[in-house]
Protein backbone atom coordinates (compact mmCIF):
# COMPACT_ATOMS: atom_id res chain seq x y z
CA UNK A 1 41.73 -8.87 39.66
CA UNK A 2 41.72 -5.18 40.11
CA UNK A 3 42.98 -4.55 36.45
CA UNK A 4 40.19 -6.94 35.41
CA UNK A 5 37.64 -4.66 36.98
CA UNK A 6 38.96 -1.41 35.84
CA UNK A 7 39.27 -3.01 32.37
CA UNK A 8 35.30 -4.19 32.54
CA UNK A 9 34.38 -0.78 34.15
CA UNK A 10 36.27 1.17 31.11
CA UNK A 11 34.57 -0.80 28.41
CA UNK A 12 30.99 -0.55 30.19
CA UNK A 13 31.62 3.46 30.35
CA UNK A 14 32.97 3.49 26.69
CA UNK A 15 29.76 1.58 25.70
CA UNK A 16 27.11 3.78 27.59
CA UNK A 17 28.87 6.97 26.19
CA UNK A 18 28.74 5.82 22.51
CA UNK A 19 24.98 4.24 23.02
CA UNK A 20 24.19 7.90 24.13
CA UNK A 21 25.31 9.33 20.94
CA UNK A 22 24.00 6.85 18.64
CA UNK A 23 20.61 6.32 19.38
CA UNK A 24 18.31 6.25 16.74
CA UNK A 25 15.31 8.31 16.71
CA UNK A 26 12.08 6.12 16.02
CA UNK A 27 8.72 7.82 14.78
CA UNK A 28 5.29 6.65 13.51
CA UNK A 29 3.33 9.20 11.67
CA UNK A 30 -0.53 8.56 11.17
CA UNK A 31 -1.65 8.89 7.66
CA UNK A 32 -4.58 11.81 7.54
CA UNK A 33 -7.29 9.74 5.98
CA UNK A 34 -9.43 12.95 5.11
CA UNK A 35 -6.66 14.54 3.39
CA UNK A 36 -5.22 11.32 1.56
CA UNK A 37 -6.75 9.59 -1.78
CA UNK A 38 -6.16 6.52 -3.80
CA UNK A 39 -7.03 6.62 -7.44
CA UNK A 40 -7.14 3.04 -9.45
CA UNK A 41 -7.25 2.74 -13.09
CA UNK A 42 -8.82 -0.59 -14.81
CA UNK A 43 -8.11 -1.46 -18.50
CA UNK A 44 -10.16 -3.60 -20.69
CA UNK A 45 -9.57 -4.25 -24.64
CA UNK A 46 -12.02 -1.28 -25.59
CA UNK A 47 -10.69 1.25 -23.20
CA UNK A 48 -10.30 1.75 -19.42
CA UNK A 49 -12.43 2.99 -16.45
CA UNK A 50 -10.68 4.91 -13.31
CA UNK A 51 -11.91 5.89 -9.64
CA UNK A 52 -11.23 6.26 -6.17
CA UNK A 53 -11.30 4.27 -3.08
CA UNK A 54 -10.69 5.81 0.18
CA UNK A 55 -8.02 5.04 3.19
CA UNK A 56 -9.57 3.87 6.14
CA UNK A 57 -6.50 4.18 8.58
CA UNK A 58 -2.62 3.57 8.39
CA UNK A 59 0.77 5.10 9.36
CA UNK A 60 4.37 5.13 8.33
CA UNK A 61 7.19 4.43 10.73
CA UNK A 62 10.68 6.20 10.27
CA UNK A 63 13.94 5.52 11.71
CA UNK A 64 16.36 8.70 11.63
CA UNK A 65 14.16 10.29 9.30
CA UNK A 66 14.15 7.25 6.90
CA UNK A 67 11.13 5.03 5.82
CA UNK A 68 11.29 2.21 7.58
CA UNK A 69 7.67 0.52 7.44
CA UNK A 70 4.08 0.85 7.21
CA UNK A 71 0.77 -0.37 7.13
CA UNK A 72 -2.51 0.88 5.25
CA UNK A 73 -5.98 -0.31 5.43
CA UNK A 74 -8.25 0.63 2.86
CA UNK A 75 -12.31 0.87 2.89
CA UNK A 76 -13.06 -1.28 -0.18
CA UNK A 77 -17.08 -0.15 0.40
CA UNK A 78 -16.06 3.24 -1.20
CA UNK A 79 -14.97 1.95 -4.45
CA UNK A 80 -16.15 4.76 -6.78
CA UNK A 81 -15.91 5.20 -10.47
CA UNK A 82 -15.12 8.65 -11.32
CA UNK A 83 -15.12 8.53 -15.32
CA UNK A 84 -18.98 7.64 -15.63
CA UNK A 85 -22.17 9.30 -14.33
CA UNK A 86 -25.82 8.23 -13.81
CA UNK A 87 -26.78 4.79 -14.49
CA UNK A 88 -23.43 3.47 -16.01
CA UNK A 89 -21.85 4.58 -12.99
CA UNK A 90 -23.84 3.21 -10.67
CA UNK A 91 -23.77 -0.14 -12.65
CA UNK A 92 -20.00 -0.44 -12.50
CA UNK A 93 -19.89 0.54 -8.84
CA UNK A 94 -22.44 -2.03 -7.95
CA UNK A 95 -20.60 -4.60 -10.16
CA UNK A 96 -17.01 -3.83 -8.50
CA UNK A 97 -18.53 -4.12 -5.20
CA UNK A 98 -20.06 -7.84 -6.06
CA UNK A 99 -18.72 -11.26 -5.63
CA UNK A 100 -17.60 -10.96 -9.08
CA UNK A 101 -14.71 -8.59 -7.99
CA UNK A 102 -14.20 -7.36 -4.65
CA UNK A 103 -17.14 -8.94 -2.84
CA UNK A 104 -17.05 -5.73 -0.26
CA UNK A 105 -19.93 -7.50 1.60
CA UNK A 106 -17.76 -10.01 2.87
CA UNK A 107 -14.25 -8.32 2.60
CA UNK A 108 -15.06 -4.81 3.72
CA UNK A 109 -11.24 -3.90 3.76
CA UNK A 110 -8.01 -4.53 2.10
CA UNK A 111 -4.40 -4.31 3.52
CA UNK A 112 -1.01 -3.42 2.71
CA UNK A 113 1.45 -4.36 5.38
CA UNK A 114 4.97 -3.31 4.90
CA UNK A 115 7.64 -5.99 5.03
CA UNK A 116 10.88 -4.63 3.43
CA UNK A 117 12.04 -1.07 2.92
CA UNK A 118 15.11 -0.02 0.37
CA UNK A 119 16.27 3.33 0.07
CA UNK A 120 16.74 4.13 -3.64
CA UNK A 121 17.64 7.56 -3.31
CA UNK A 122 16.72 11.33 -1.83
CA UNK A 123 13.31 10.49 -0.24
CA UNK A 124 12.87 7.62 -2.72
CA UNK A 125 12.12 4.13 -1.44
CA UNK A 126 11.55 0.42 -2.90
CA UNK A 127 8.85 -1.31 -0.78
CA UNK A 128 8.23 -5.13 -0.35
CA UNK A 129 4.72 -5.36 1.27
CA UNK A 130 1.96 -8.09 1.69
CA UNK A 131 -1.18 -7.24 0.15
CA UNK A 132 -4.45 -8.72 1.12
CA UNK A 133 -7.62 -8.50 -0.90
CA UNK A 134 -10.67 -10.65 -0.31
CA UNK A 135 -8.99 -12.51 2.46
CA UNK A 136 -5.92 -13.54 0.29
CA UNK A 137 -2.52 -12.01 0.78
CA UNK A 138 0.16 -11.58 -1.77
CA UNK A 139 3.45 -10.15 -1.82
CA UNK A 140 3.81 -6.77 -3.81
CA UNK A 141 6.34 -4.28 -4.95
CA UNK A 142 6.07 -0.66 -5.31
CA UNK A 143 7.91 2.66 -5.21
CA UNK A 144 7.24 5.49 -2.64
CA UNK A 145 8.71 8.86 -2.54
CA UNK A 146 8.11 11.17 0.73
CA UNK A 147 8.37 14.64 0.73
CA UNK A 148 7.62 16.66 3.80
CA UNK A 149 4.41 15.64 5.02
CA UNK A 150 3.30 14.04 1.70
CA UNK A 151 3.99 10.41 0.38
CA UNK A 152 3.17 9.20 -3.02
CA UNK A 153 3.12 5.45 -3.98
CA UNK A 154 2.14 3.84 -7.34
CA UNK A 155 1.77 -0.02 -7.91
CA UNK A 156 0.11 -2.57 -10.23
CA UNK A 157 -1.76 -5.37 -8.83
CA UNK A 158 -2.72 -8.46 -10.55
CA UNK A 159 -6.49 -9.05 -9.52
CA UNK A 160 -6.48 -12.70 -10.64
CA UNK A 161 -3.88 -13.47 -7.76
CA UNK A 162 -6.49 -12.57 -5.26
CA UNK A 163 -9.26 -14.93 -7.05
CA UNK A 164 -10.96 -11.84 -9.12
CA UNK A 165 -11.20 -13.79 -12.45
CA UNK A 166 -14.34 -12.18 -14.04
CA UNK A 167 -13.75 -11.06 -17.76
CA UNK A 168 -10.00 -12.22 -17.82
CA UNK A 169 -8.81 -13.59 -20.95
CA UNK A 170 -6.29 -15.68 -18.75
CA UNK A 171 -9.09 -17.98 -17.63
CA UNK A 172 -11.80 -17.31 -20.35
CA UNK A 173 -11.81 -17.98 -24.07
CA UNK A 174 -13.80 -16.06 -26.64
CA UNK A 175 -14.15 -12.96 -24.66
CA UNK A 176 -13.00 -10.81 -27.68
CA UNK A 177 -13.77 -7.07 -26.95
CA UNK A 178 -15.42 -7.92 -23.18
CA UNK A 179 -12.06 -9.02 -21.96
CA UNK A 180 -11.09 -7.18 -18.85
CA UNK A 181 -6.84 -7.16 -18.37
CA UNK A 182 -5.73 -8.74 -15.17
CA UNK A 183 -3.51 -5.80 -13.89
CA UNK A 184 -4.71 -2.79 -12.52
CA UNK A 185 -2.97 0.32 -11.14
CA UNK A 186 -3.24 2.29 -8.03
CA UNK A 187 -1.58 5.49 -7.40
CA UNK A 188 -1.91 6.65 -3.31
CA UNK A 189 -1.16 10.41 -2.60
CA UNK A 190 -0.94 10.39 1.29
CA UNK A 191 -0.52 12.89 4.02
CA UNK A 192 1.01 12.52 7.18
CA UNK A 193 0.29 13.91 10.36
């Protein structure tokens, strides 16, 4: 009986000692929304348009200085076209905010919630996340790199998976040069606090 108690106590002490040196450091870094930006680029048969949208809030999680998760909320009311000016810019901004596209009156935010993070090299990661646009959530994959307090990510989004079918030749015939491609690009440059 005495030996059993000694063994049990010894195992408990070894476990406690081991845990004290292997505790992982968890940290959440907030995204500085005023210093971060997201750029978009959409394509059509006759060219492309590009612009910006604002990060409303967000954070990235780290375990032992390795990215482990995160969440980003985007303010869809800030959709802004940067390659046009005047009446053309106002017209496209308004159309992108309309129910034909992002319907920002009902859907003021979109969200990206990380579900899986895999390291692919020094400061580089492959992320699986749930992207929610217009209340519809779909799985997306993208790459992100982190260098100090800066994170850069890029992803392609198929708008038709979120019910945005306007001008899509996948759903409408005879669009000819009025067709808008289904995928658009997002590039995020995030500053972490």
